[in-house]
Amino acid sequence: MSSGPADKREQAAEGGLPAVMALFEHLNETDKPQADRACGGTAATGDSGTVTATEIAGDMLLPFAFEETLCRDIGAGEAPPSVHLWSHPGGVALGLRDSRLPRAGEAMAELERQGFRTAVRHSGGAAVPLDAGVVNVSLLLPKPAGKLDFHDDFRLLASLITEAVAVSHPQAASQIRAGEVAGSYCPGDFDLAIGGRKFCGIAQRRQSNAYFVHAFVIVSGSGRERGELIRGFYGIAAGGEGSLTYPRVSPETLAALEELGGPASAAVFAEGFRQALTRRGVSLQPAALLRQAAGYDLQYGDPRVLEAASVLRERYAR
């Protein structure tokens, strides 16, 4: 890999962001969330060409394994700080604690029967539905010298998401508030909501020399239906044990941005996020250009990514 991108790594854009960031994208062609899309047959386009939905749906851990591998490369200085925008045709990503509920296996089997792929992810948080109407956003960064305060990174990503909404829908963006939304799935201190209804959650994953902060953003479709899906999972997984600790989901606390006066498509939100970064002085380098300029080429089908997916599956298997 040439030294071009790395030479600028230490330069800072507004808000402490790197001046140059690689941009990796794996977004579905359509963002209509349908359960039957989880079974494949529709293409999803990415930085490296066309990846079939069958390939993505066949292994829900691929996006997480891709980020795990990319993060390691960033920590080793082999890749520049990066942004990853992705979606999945239809599935549910569980937290580790979810997978340990007494009837989690039965609950996951029921989701699979309905057409939703399932997997246990390695980043923090609890169960979340992932479909073509949910845009996942990750900032992958080298660890700075000194203490790392994850609250700063949560605030940074929250502000970028707000700015992304503001690009197309400034009035909706002005109403976004951060704070835990009781009754939502995967609740956390940095939930983003409009009018008390959550559309975004944020988590983080750390490695030895790099880390990433990740958000799911519900852009289109029905927040309530997604909430009902996750409530149904917990209803089975908990096995009626009221003393167990897990999110008590109230579907009415969730909404998509399009239901809240914001962007109505994944494409519009993703473009807003790119613009939010560039307005802060970040130069985005598409993965195809990174490949040409520096020889760095990482794709979902890379053997290292597939191996990382296999390791994650074994480590976090239900």
C-alpha atoms as a PDB file:
ATOM      1  CA  MET A   1       0.000   0.000   0.000  1.00  0.00           C
ATOM      2  CA  SER A   2       1.344   3.419  -0.933  1.00  0.00           C
ATOM      3  CA  SER A   3       1.779   6.132   1.656  1.00  0.00           C
ATOM      4  CA  GLY A   4      -0.647   8.647   0.134  1.00  0.00           C
ATOM      5  CA  PRO A   5      -3.707   8.157   2.385  1.00  0.00           C
ATOM      6  CA  ALA A   6      -1.637   7.383   5.470  1.00  0.00           C
ATOM      7  CA  ASP A   7       0.354  10.623   5.099  1.00  0.00           C
ATOM      8  CA  LYS A   8      -2.822  12.599   5.740  1.00  0.00           C
ATOM      9  CA  ARG A   9      -4.185  10.361   8.477  1.00  0.00           C
ATOM     10  CA  GLU A  10      -3.036  12.562  11.330  1.00  0.00           C
ATOM     11  CA  GLN A  11      -4.515  15.717   9.853  1.00  0.00           C
ATOM     12  CA  ALA A  12      -7.811  16.547  11.488  1.00  0.00           C
ATOM     13  CA  ALA A  13     -11.023  17.828   9.971  1.00  0.00           C
ATOM     14  CA  GLU A  14     -13.726  19.574  11.981  1.00  0.00           C
ATOM     15  CA  GLY A  15     -14.750  17.659  15.094  1.00  0.00           C
ATOM     16  CA  GLY A  16     -11.521  15.661  15.241  1.00  0.00           C
ATOM     17  CA  LEU A  17     -12.359  13.562  12.197  1.00  0.00           C
ATOM     18  CA  PRO A  18      -9.501  12.471   9.924  1.00  0.00           C
ATOM     19  CA  ALA A  19      -9.014  14.702   6.889  1.00  0.00           C
ATOM     20  CA  VAL A  20      -9.132  11.676   4.561  1.00  0.00           C
ATOM     21  CA  MET A  21     -11.399   8.669   5.029  1.00  0.00           C
ATOM     22  CA  ALA A  22     -12.040   5.666   2.809  1.00  0.00           C
ATOM     23  CA  LEU A  23     -15.682   5.057   1.909  1.00  0.00           C
ATOM     24  CA  PHE A  24     -16.996   1.507   1.693  1.00  0.00           C
ATOM     25  CA  GLU A  25     -20.627   0.974   0.708  1.00  0.00           C
ATOM     26  CA  HIS A  26     -22.803  -2.131   0.645  1.00  0.00           C
ATOM     27  CA  LEU A  27     -26.315  -0.730   0.282  1.00  0.00           C
ATOM     28  CA  ASN A  28     -29.259  -2.587  -1.213  1.00  0.00           C
ATOM     29  CA  GLU A  29     -30.667  -1.378  -4.509  1.00  0.00           C
ATOM     30  CA  THR A  30     -34.121  -1.034  -2.992  1.00  0.00           C
ATOM     31  CA  ASP A  31     -34.928  -0.074   0.568  1.00  0.00           C
ATOM     32  CA  LYS A  32     -38.384  -1.616   0.777  1.00  0.00           C
ATOM     33  CA  PRO A  33     -38.167  -3.820   3.891  1.00  0.00           C
ATOM     34  CA  GLN A  34     -39.824  -7.144   3.120  1.00  0.00           C
ATOM     35  CA  ALA A  35     -39.319 -10.375   5.016  1.00  0.00           C
ATOM     36  CA  ASP A  36     -39.185 -12.417   1.819  1.00  0.00           C
ATOM     37  CA  ARG A  37     -36.161 -10.411   0.651  1.00  0.00           C
ATOM     38  CA  ALA A  38     -34.157 -12.252   3.297  1.00  0.00           C
ATOM     39  CA  CYS A  39     -34.366 -15.362   1.158  1.00  0.00           C
ATOM     40  CA  GLY A  40     -32.365 -13.794  -1.675  1.00  0.00           C
ATOM     41  CA  GLY A  41     -32.828 -13.135  -5.375  1.00  0.00           C
ATOM     42  CA  THR A  42     -32.153  -9.403  -5.458  1.00  0.00           C
ATOM     43  CA  ALA A  43     -28.796  -7.777  -5.991  1.00  0.00           C
ATOM     44  CA  ALA A  44     -27.073  -5.384  -3.627  1.00  0.00           C
ATOM     45  CA  THR A  45     -24.463  -3.033  -5.000  1.00  0.00           C
ATOM     46  CA  GLY A  46     -21.263  -2.132  -3.206  1.00  0.00           C
ATOM     47  CA  ASP A  47     -17.891  -0.532  -3.704  1.00  0.00           C
ATOM     48  CA  SER A  48     -16.473  -3.675  -5.233  1.00  0.00           C
ATOM     49  CA  GLY A  49     -19.220  -4.306  -7.783  1.00  0.00           C
ATOM     50  CA  THR A  50     -22.311  -6.438  -7.381  1.00  0.00           C
ATOM     51  CA  VAL A  51     -22.816  -8.711  -4.403  1.00  0.00           C
ATOM     52  CA  THR A  52     -25.886 -10.913  -4.646  1.00  0.00           C
ATOM     53  CA  ALA A  53     -28.497 -10.716  -1.925  1.00  0.00           C
ATOM     54  CA  THR A  54     -28.262 -14.508  -1.754  1.00  0.00           C
ATOM     55  CA  GLU A  55     -24.629 -14.165  -0.676  1.00  0.00           C
ATOM     56  CA  ILE A  56     -25.423 -11.500   1.919  1.00  0.00           C
ATOM     57  CA  ALA A  57     -28.545 -13.238   3.211  1.00  0.00           C
ATOM     58  CA  GLY A  58     -26.700 -16.530   3.379  1.00  0.00           C
ATOM     59  CA  ASP A  59     -24.345 -15.121   6.000  1.00  0.00           C
ATOM     60  CA  MET A  60     -25.629 -12.246   8.087  1.00  0.00           C
ATOM     61  CA  LEU A  61     -22.255 -11.945   9.788  1.00  0.00           C
ATOM     62  CA  LEU A  62     -20.476 -10.793   6.620  1.00  0.00           C
ATOM     63  CA  PRO A  63     -20.915  -7.047   7.282  1.00  0.00           C
ATOM     64  CA  PHE A  64     -19.673  -7.464  10.855  1.00  0.00           C
ATOM     65  CA  ALA A  65     -16.764  -9.646   9.719  1.00  0.00           C
ATOM     66  CA  PHE A  66     -15.908  -7.093   7.037  1.00  0.00           C
ATOM     67  CA  GLU A  67     -15.693  -4.353   9.665  1.00  0.00           C
ATOM     68  CA  GLU A  68     -13.711  -6.559  12.036  1.00  0.00           C
ATOM     69  CA  THR A  69     -11.147  -7.183   9.291  1.00  0.00           C
ATOM     70  CA  LEU A  70     -11.059  -3.561   8.116  1.00  0.00           C
ATOM     71  CA  CYS A  71     -10.627  -2.367  11.696  1.00  0.00           C
ATOM     72  CA  ARG A  72      -7.619  -4.649  12.164  1.00  0.00           C
ATOM     73  CA  ASP A  73      -6.060  -3.288   8.988  1.00  0.00           C
ATOM     74  CA  ILE A  74      -6.625   0.287  10.150  1.00  0.00           C
ATOM     75  CA  GLY A  75      -4.974  -0.505  13.464  1.00  0.00           C
ATOM     76  CA  ALA A  76      -1.998  -1.992  11.616  1.00  0.00           C
ATOM     77  CA  GLY A  77      -1.662   1.074   9.399  1.00  0.00           C
ATOM     78  CA  GLU A  78      -2.556  -0.889   6.278  1.00  0.00           C
ATOM     79  CA  ALA A  79      -5.785   1.006   5.606  1.00  0.00           C
ATOM     80  CA  PRO A  80      -6.875   4.600   6.275  1.00  0.00           C
ATOM     81  CA  PRO A  81      -9.666   5.576   8.679  1.00  0.00           C
ATOM     82  CA  SER A  82     -12.915   4.529   7.045  1.00  0.00           C
ATOM     83  CA  VAL A  83     -16.665   4.921   6.767  1.00  0.00           C
ATOM     84  CA  HIS A  84     -18.884   1.913   6.076  1.00  0.00           C
ATOM     85  CA  LEU A  85     -22.502   2.327   4.930  1.00  0.00           C
ATOM     86  CA  TRP A  86     -24.429  -0.907   4.588  1.00  0.00           C
ATOM     87  CA  SER A  87     -27.797  -2.601   4.770  1.00  0.00           C
ATOM     88  CA  HIS A  88     -29.067  -6.161   4.864  1.00  0.00           C
ATOM     89  CA  PRO A  89     -32.053  -7.633   2.970  1.00  0.00           C
ATOM     90  CA  GLY A  90     -33.741  -8.949   6.096  1.00  0.00           C
ATOM     91  CA  GLY A  91     -32.582 -10.317   9.407  1.00  0.00           C
ATOM     92  CA  VAL A  92     -32.220  -9.832  13.145  1.00  0.00           C
ATOM     93  CA  ALA A  93     -28.861  -9.234  14.826  1.00  0.00           C
ATOM     94  CA  LEU A  94     -28.823 -10.326  18.462  1.00  0.00           C
ATOM     95  CA  GLY A  95     -26.673  -9.211  21.345  1.00  0.00           C
ATOM     96  CA  LEU A  96     -24.699 -11.795  23.283  1.00  0.00           C
ATOM     97  CA  ARG A  97     -27.064 -11.587  26.262  1.00  0.00           C
ATOM     98  CA  ASP A  98     -30.042 -12.204  23.986  1.00  0.00           C
ATOM     99  CA  SER A  99     -28.476 -15.446  22.801  1.00  0.00           C
ATOM    100  CA  ARG A 100     -28.255 -16.667  26.389  1.00  0.00           C
ATOM    101  CA  LEU A 101     -31.968 -16.349  27.132  1.00  0.00           C
ATOM    102  CA  PRO A 102     -33.441 -19.783  28.001  1.00  0.00           C
ATOM    103  CA  ARG A 103     -35.369 -20.272  24.735  1.00  0.00           C
ATOM    104  CA  ALA A 104     -33.232 -18.118  22.431  1.00  0.00           C
ATOM    105  CA  GLY A 105     -32.622 -20.989  20.020  1.00  0.00           C
ATOM    106  CA  GLU A 106     -36.349 -21.566  19.620  1.00  0.00           C
ATOM    107  CA  ALA A 107     -36.974 -17.829  19.129  1.00  0.00           C
ATOM    108  CA  MET A 108     -34.240 -17.595  16.491  1.00  0.00           C
ATOM    109  CA  ALA A 109     -35.674 -20.621  14.680  1.00  0.00           C
ATOM    110  CA  GLU A 110     -39.068 -18.904  14.584  1.00  0.00           C
ATOM    111  CA  LEU A 111     -37.512 -15.788  13.026  1.00  0.00           C
ATOM    112  CA  GLU A 112     -35.787 -17.945  10.424  1.00  0.00           C
ATOM    113  CA  ARG A 113     -39.108 -19.662   9.698  1.00  0.00           C
ATOM    114  CA  GLN A 114     -40.601 -16.230   8.982  1.00  0.00           C
ATOM    115  CA  GLY A 115     -37.779 -15.452   6.531  1.00  0.00           C
ATOM    116  CA  PHE A 116     -35.483 -13.419   8.791  1.00  0.00           C
ATOM    117  CA  ARG A 117     -31.861 -14.481   9.046  1.00  0.00           C
ATOM    118  CA  THR A 118     -30.391 -14.380  12.547  1.00  0.00           C
ATOM    119  CA  ALA A 119     -26.900 -13.913  13.960  1.00  0.00           C
ATOM    120  CA  VAL A 120     -25.225 -12.928  17.226  1.00  0.00           C
ATOM    121  CA  ARG A 121     -23.088  -9.840  16.778  1.00  0.00           C
ATOM    122  CA  HIS A 122     -19.939  -8.977  18.682  1.00  0.00           C
ATOM    123  CA  SER A 123     -20.534  -5.249  19.246  1.00  0.00           C
ATOM    124  CA  GLY A 124     -22.550  -4.082  22.227  1.00  0.00           C
ATOM    125  CA  GLY A 125     -26.307  -3.849  22.435  1.00  0.00           C
ATOM    126  CA  ALA A 126     -29.366  -6.062  22.128  1.00  0.00           C
ATOM    127  CA  ALA A 127     -31.550  -7.422  19.314  1.00  0.00           C
ATOM    128  CA  VAL A 128     -32.177  -5.179  16.305  1.00  0.00           C
ATOM    129  CA  PRO A 129     -33.903  -5.915  12.985  1.00  0.00           C
ATOM    130  CA  LEU A 130     -31.827  -5.253   9.875  1.00  0.00           C
ATOM    131  CA  ASP A 131     -33.550  -4.837   6.541  1.00  0.00           C
ATOM    132  CA  ALA A 132     -33.217  -2.776   3.396  1.00  0.00           C
ATOM    133  CA  GLY A 133     -34.885   0.217   5.082  1.00  0.00           C
ATOM    134  CA  VAL A 134     -32.268   0.321   7.860  1.00  0.00           C
ATOM    135  CA  VAL A 135     -28.973   2.023   7.042  1.00  0.00           C
ATOM    136  CA  ASN A 136     -26.021   0.948   9.172  1.00  0.00           C
ATOM    137  CA  VAL A 137     -23.283   3.539   9.610  1.00  0.00           C
ATOM    138  CA  SER A 138     -19.823   2.822  11.012  1.00  0.00           C
ATOM    139  CA  LEU A 139     -16.819   5.061  11.632  1.00  0.00           C
ATOM    140  CA  LEU A 140     -13.647   2.960  11.835  1.00  0.00           C
ATOM    141  CA  LEU A 141     -10.722   4.806  13.377  1.00  0.00           C
ATOM    142  CA  PRO A 142      -7.222   4.191  14.739  1.00  0.00           C
ATOM    143  CA  LYS A 143      -6.968   4.529  18.504  1.00  0.00           C
ATOM    144  CA  PRO A 144      -5.599   7.926  19.507  1.00  0.00           C
ATOM    145  CA  ALA A 145      -2.858   8.393  22.076  1.00  0.00           C
ATOM    146  CA  GLY A 146      -4.155   8.644  25.638  1.00  0.00           C
ATOM    147  CA  LYS A 147      -7.495   7.635  27.056  1.00  0.00           C
ATOM    148  CA  LEU A 148     -10.349   6.880  24.688  1.00  0.00           C
ATOM    149  CA  ASP A 149     -13.696   8.301  25.832  1.00  0.00           C
ATOM    150  CA  PHE A 150     -16.419   6.378  24.019  1.00  0.00           C
ATOM    151  CA  HIS A 151     -18.965   9.058  24.940  1.00  0.00           C
ATOM    152  CA  ASP A 152     -17.135  11.492  22.656  1.00  0.00           C
ATOM    153  CA  ASP A 153     -17.397   9.071  19.755  1.00  0.00           C
ATOM    154  CA  PHE A 154     -21.076   8.411  20.443  1.00  0.00           C
ATOM    155  CA  ARG A 155     -21.697  12.167  20.445  1.00  0.00           C
ATOM    156  CA  LEU A 156     -19.706  12.553  17.219  1.00  0.00           C
ATOM    157  CA  LEU A 157     -21.715   9.923  15.365  1.00  0.00           C
ATOM    158  CA  ALA A 158     -24.992  11.242  16.786  1.00  0.00           C
ATOM    159  CA  SER A 159     -24.157  14.730  15.533  1.00  0.00           C
ATOM    160  CA  LEU A 160     -23.196  13.422  12.089  1.00  0.00           C
ATOM    161  CA  ILE A 161     -26.487  11.535  11.802  1.00  0.00           C
ATOM    162  CA  THR A 162     -28.381  14.679  12.784  1.00  0.00           C
ATOM    163  CA  GLU A 163     -26.452  16.657  10.172  1.00  0.00           C
ATOM    164  CA  ALA A 164     -27.163  13.957   7.598  1.00  0.00           C
ATOM    165  CA  VAL A 165     -30.908  14.321   8.211  1.00  0.00           C
ATOM    166  CA  ALA A 166     -30.570  18.110   8.039  1.00  0.00           C
ATOM    167  CA  VAL A 167     -29.178  17.960   4.504  1.00  0.00           C
ATOM    168  CA  SER A 168     -32.600  17.029   3.104  1.00  0.00           C
ATOM    169  CA  HIS A 169     -34.976  17.646   6.045  1.00  0.00           C
ATOM    170  CA  PRO A 170     -33.709  20.449   8.317  1.00  0.00           C
ATOM    171  CA  GLN A 171     -36.977  20.770  10.228  1.00  0.00           C
ATOM    172  CA  ALA A 172     -36.926  17.107  11.249  1.00  0.00           C
ATOM    173  CA  ALA A 173     -33.247  17.356  12.188  1.00  0.00           C
ATOM    174  CA  SER A 174     -33.959  20.254  14.531  1.00  0.00           C
ATOM    175  CA  GLN A 175     -36.253  17.982  16.557  1.00  0.00           C
ATOM    176  CA  ILE A 176     -33.763  15.138  17.077  1.00  0.00           C
ATOM    177  CA  ARG A 177     -32.914  14.460  20.705  1.00  0.00           C
ATOM    178  CA  ALA A 178     -30.412  12.050  22.251  1.00  0.00           C
ATOM    179  CA  GLY A 179     -31.197   9.938  25.303  1.00  0.00           C
ATOM    180  CA  GLU A 180     -32.480   6.495  26.165  1.00  0.00           C
ATOM    181  CA  VAL A 181     -35.975   5.761  24.880  1.00  0.00           C
ATOM    182  CA  ALA A 182     -37.663   3.458  27.381  1.00  0.00           C
ATOM    183  CA  GLY A 183     -39.557   0.649  25.662  1.00  0.00           C
ATOM    184  CA  SER A 184     -37.428   0.675  22.513  1.00  0.00           C
ATOM    185  CA  TYR A 185     -35.369  -2.258  21.333  1.00  0.00           C
ATOM    186  CA  CYS A 186     -31.610  -2.076  21.981  1.00  0.00           C
ATOM    187  CA  PRO A 187     -32.025   0.918  24.329  1.00  0.00           C
ATOM    188  CA  GLY A 188     -29.035   3.092  25.203  1.00  0.00           C
ATOM    189  CA  ASP A 189     -27.987   6.522  26.429  1.00  0.00           C
ATOM    190  CA  PHE A 190     -27.412   7.715  22.869  1.00  0.00           C
ATOM    191  CA  ASP A 191     -30.671   6.670  21.278  1.00  0.00           C
ATOM    192  CA  LEU A 192     -31.788   9.276  18.742  1.00  0.00           C
ATOM    193  CA  ALA A 193     -35.481  10.134  18.634  1.00  0.00           C
ATOM    194  CA  ILE A 194     -37.979  12.647  17.304  1.00  0.00           C
ATOM    195  CA  GLY A 195     -41.014  13.296  19.454  1.00  0.00           C
ATOM    196  CA  GLY A 196     -39.959  10.520  21.807  1.00  0.00           C
ATOM    197  CA  ARG A 197     -39.926   7.867  19.080  1.00  0.00           C
ATOM    198  CA  LYS A 198     -36.569   6.209  18.450  1.00  0.00           C
ATOM    199  CA  PHE A 199     -35.104   5.833  14.974  1.00  0.00           C
ATOM    200  CA  CYS A 200     -31.437   5.199  15.784  1.00  0.00           C
ATOM    201  CA  GLY A 201     -29.202   3.365  18.255  1.00  0.00           C
ATOM    202  CA  ILE A 202     -25.417   3.525  18.651  1.00  0.00           C
ATOM    203  CA  ALA A 203     -22.843   0.949  19.810  1.00  0.00           C
ATOM    204  CA  GLN A 204     -19.062   0.557  19.796  1.00  0.00           C
ATOM    205  CA  ARG A 205     -16.474  -2.155  19.273  1.00  0.00           C
ATOM    206  CA  ARG A 206     -12.808  -1.822  20.313  1.00  0.00           C
ATOM    207  CA  GLN A 207      -9.701  -3.656  19.165  1.00  0.00           C
ATOM    208  CA  SER A 208      -6.088  -3.287  20.322  1.00  0.00           C
ATOM    209  CA  ASN A 209      -5.094  -0.485  17.944  1.00  0.00           C
ATOM    210  CA  ALA A 210      -8.358   0.643  16.375  1.00  0.00           C
ATOM    211  CA  TYR A 211     -12.082   0.767  17.048  1.00  0.00           C
ATOM    212  CA  PHE A 212     -15.372   1.502  15.388  1.00  0.00           C
ATOM    213  CA  VAL A 213     -18.532   3.234  16.467  1.00  0.00           C
ATOM    214  CA  HIS A 214     -21.662   1.956  14.771  1.00  0.00           C
ATOM    215  CA  ALA A 215     -25.278   3.082  14.404  1.00  0.00           C
ATOM    216  CA  PHE A 216     -28.403   1.567  12.920  1.00  0.00           C
ATOM    217  CA  VAL A 217     -30.714   4.173  11.400  1.00  0.00           C
ATOM    218  CA  ILE A 218     -34.327   3.224  10.675  1.00  0.00           C
ATOM    219  CA  VAL A 219     -35.003   5.220   7.515  1.00  0.00           C
ATOM    220  CA  SER A 220     -38.060   3.749   5.793  1.00  0.00           C
ATOM    221  CA  GLY A 221     -40.856   1.336   6.563  1.00  0.00           C
ATOM    222  CA  SER A 222     -42.691   0.866   9.856  1.00  0.00           C
ATOM    223  CA  GLY A 223     -40.972   1.311  13.182  1.00  0.00           C
ATOM    224  CA  ARG A 224     -43.910  -0.284  14.981  1.00  0.00           C
ATOM    225  CA  GLU A 225     -43.731  -3.448  12.869  1.00  0.00           C
ATOM    226  CA  ARG A 226     -40.044  -3.810  13.609  1.00  0.00           C
ATOM    227  CA  GLY A 227     -40.778  -3.309  17.305  1.00  0.00           C
ATOM    228  CA  GLU A 228     -43.427  -6.017  17.179  1.00  0.00           C
ATOM    229  CA  LEU A 229     -40.948  -8.369  15.539  1.00  0.00           C
ATOM    230  CA  ILE A 230     -38.401  -7.891  18.335  1.00  0.00           C
ATOM    231  CA  ARG A 231     -41.042  -8.046  21.068  1.00  0.00           C
ATOM    232  CA  GLY A 232     -42.141 -11.372  19.602  1.00  0.00           C
ATOM    233  CA  PHE A 233     -38.572 -12.652  19.729  1.00  0.00           C
ATOM    234  CA  TYR A 234     -38.230 -11.808  23.425  1.00  0.00           C
ATOM    235  CA  GLY A 235     -41.657 -13.239  24.146  1.00  0.00           C
ATOM    236  CA  ILE A 236     -40.408 -16.643  23.030  1.00  0.00           C
ATOM    237  CA  ALA A 237     -36.762 -16.339  24.088  1.00  0.00           C
ATOM    238  CA  ALA A 238     -37.512 -15.412  27.708  1.00  0.00           C
ATOM    239  CA  GLY A 239     -39.786 -18.412  28.129  1.00  0.00           C
ATOM    240  CA  GLY A 240     -42.151 -16.500  30.409  1.00  0.00           C
ATOM    241  CA  GLU A 241     -39.424 -15.794  32.983  1.00  0.00           C
ATOM    242  CA  GLY A 242     -40.357 -12.321  34.193  1.00  0.00           C
ATOM    243  CA  SER A 243     -37.290 -12.013  36.406  1.00  0.00           C
ATOM    244  CA  LEU A 244     -34.865 -12.098  33.466  1.00  0.00           C
ATOM    245  CA  THR A 245     -33.134  -8.944  32.215  1.00  0.00           C
ATOM    246  CA  TYR A 246     -33.989  -8.101  28.619  1.00  0.00           C
ATOM    247  CA  PRO A 247     -35.621  -5.138  26.818  1.00  0.00           C
ATOM    248  CA  ARG A 248     -39.383  -4.922  27.329  1.00  0.00           C
ATOM    249  CA  VAL A 249     -40.239  -3.586  23.902  1.00  0.00           C
ATOM    250  CA  SER A 250     -43.195  -1.273  23.347  1.00  0.00           C
ATOM    251  CA  PRO A 251     -43.522  -1.063  19.544  1.00  0.00           C
ATOM    252  CA  GLU A 252     -45.083   2.418  19.616  1.00  0.00           C
ATOM    253  CA  THR A 253     -41.774   3.874  20.852  1.00  0.00           C
ATOM    254  CA  LEU A 254     -40.115   3.164  17.476  1.00  0.00           C
ATOM    255  CA  ALA A 255     -40.450   4.887  14.129  1.00  0.00           C
ATOM    256  CA  ALA A 256     -38.687   5.287  10.799  1.00  0.00           C
ATOM    257  CA  LEU A 257     -37.383   8.673   9.717  1.00  0.00           C
ATOM    258  CA  GLU A 258     -39.939   8.765   6.920  1.00  0.00           C
ATOM    259  CA  GLU A 259     -42.678   8.482   9.584  1.00  0.00           C
ATOM    260  CA  LEU A 260     -41.097  11.358  11.509  1.00  0.00           C
ATOM    261  CA  GLY A 261     -40.832  13.894   8.684  1.00  0.00           C
ATOM    262  CA  GLY A 262     -37.298  12.915   7.693  1.00  0.00           C
ATOM    263  CA  PRO A 263     -35.683  11.211   4.690  1.00  0.00           C
ATOM    264  CA  ALA A 264     -37.887   8.513   3.170  1.00  0.00           C
ATOM    265  CA  SER A 265     -35.220   6.403   1.486  1.00  0.00           C
ATOM    266  CA  ALA A 266     -31.879   4.857   2.316  1.00  0.00           C
ATOM    267  CA  ALA A 267     -30.315   6.557  -0.710  1.00  0.00           C
ATOM    268  CA  VAL A 268     -31.331  10.031   0.481  1.00  0.00           C
ATOM    269  CA  PHE A 269     -30.049   9.415   4.005  1.00  0.00           C
ATOM    270  CA  ALA A 270     -26.769   7.913   2.769  1.00  0.00           C
ATOM    271  CA  GLU A 271     -26.162  10.907   0.526  1.00  0.00           C
ATOM    272  CA  GLY A 272     -26.899  13.191   3.468  1.00  0.00           C
ATOM    273  CA  PHE A 273     -24.326  11.345   5.567  1.00  0.00           C
ATOM    274  CA  ARG A 274     -21.669  11.709   2.872  1.00  0.00           C
ATOM    275  CA  GLN A 275     -22.410  15.417   2.658  1.00  0.00           C
ATOM    276  CA  ALA A 276     -22.298  15.792   6.448  1.00  0.00           C
ATOM    277  CA  LEU A 277     -18.755  14.419   6.422  1.00  0.00           C
ATOM    278  CA  THR A 278     -17.570  16.548   3.508  1.00  0.00           C
ATOM    279  CA  ARG A 279     -19.045  19.681   5.094  1.00  0.00           C
ATOM    280  CA  ARG A 280     -16.821  18.959   8.083  1.00  0.00           C
ATOM    281  CA  GLY A 281     -13.792  18.942   5.829  1.00  0.00           C
ATOM    282  CA  VAL A 282     -13.441  15.186   5.354  1.00  0.00           C
ATOM    283  CA  SER A 283     -12.256  14.055   1.931  1.00  0.00           C
ATOM    284  CA  LEU A 284     -14.010  10.772   1.150  1.00  0.00           C
ATOM    285  CA  GLN A 285     -12.060   8.297  -0.963  1.00  0.00           C
ATOM    286  CA  PRO A 286     -14.333   5.650  -2.523  1.00  0.00           C
ATOM    287  CA  ALA A 287     -13.017   2.123  -2.082  1.00  0.00           C
ATOM    288  CA  ALA A 288     -12.510   1.724  -5.835  1.00  0.00           C
ATOM    289  CA  LEU A 289     -10.168   4.726  -5.883  1.00  0.00           C
ATOM    290  CA  LEU A 290      -8.376   3.456  -2.768  1.00  0.00           C
ATOM    291  CA  ARG A 291      -7.778   0.202  -4.596  1.00  0.00           C
ATOM    292  CA  GLN A 292      -6.318   2.027  -7.589  1.00  0.00           C
ATOM    293  CA  ALA A 293      -4.254   4.545  -5.654  1.00  0.00           C
ATOM    294  CA  ALA A 294      -2.975   2.460  -2.754  1.00  0.00           C
ATOM    295  CA  GLY A 295      -3.577  -1.165  -3.694  1.00  0.00           C
ATOM    296  CA  TYR A 296      -5.881  -1.814  -0.741  1.00  0.00           C
ATOM    297  CA  ASP A 297      -8.775  -4.022  -1.724  1.00  0.00           C
ATOM    298  CA  LEU A 298     -11.184  -5.522   0.812  1.00  0.00           C
ATOM    299  CA  GLN A 299     -14.487  -7.071  -0.203  1.00  0.00           C
ATOM    300  CA  TYR A 300     -17.195  -9.188   1.419  1.00  0.00           C
ATOM    301  CA  GLY A 301     -15.889 -12.212  -0.451  1.00  0.00           C
ATOM    302  CA  ASP A 302     -12.289 -11.730   0.695  1.00  0.00           C
ATOM    303  CA  PRO A 303     -10.957 -14.944   2.323  1.00  0.00           C
ATOM    304  CA  ARG A 304      -9.984 -12.974   5.424  1.00  0.00           C
ATOM    305  CA  VAL A 305     -13.546 -11.661   5.782  1.00  0.00           C
ATOM    306  CA  LEU A 306     -15.027 -15.118   5.314  1.00  0.00           C
ATOM    307  CA  GLU A 307     -12.627 -16.494   7.903  1.00  0.00           C
ATOM    308  CA  ALA A 308     -13.555 -13.696  10.328  1.00  0.00           C
ATOM    309  CA  ALA A 309     -17.235 -14.543   9.818  1.00  0.00           C
ATOM    310  CA  SER A 310     -16.508 -18.167  10.612  1.00  0.00           C
ATOM    311  CA  VAL A 311     -14.646 -17.194  13.775  1.00  0.00           C
ATOM    312  CA  LEU A 312     -17.468 -14.888  14.895  1.00  0.00           C
ATOM    313  CA  ARG A 313     -20.013 -17.618  14.258  1.00  0.00           C
ATOM    314  CA  GLU A 314     -18.092 -20.128  16.361  1.00  0.00           C
ATOM    315  CA  ARG A 315     -17.336 -17.658  19.143  1.00  0.00           C
ATOM    316  CA  TYR A 316     -20.841 -16.278  19.477  1.00  0.00           C
ATOM    317  CA  ALA A 317     -22.887 -19.275  18.384  1.00  0.00           C
ATOM    318  CA  ARG A 318     -26.136 -19.783  20.231  1.00  0.00           C
END
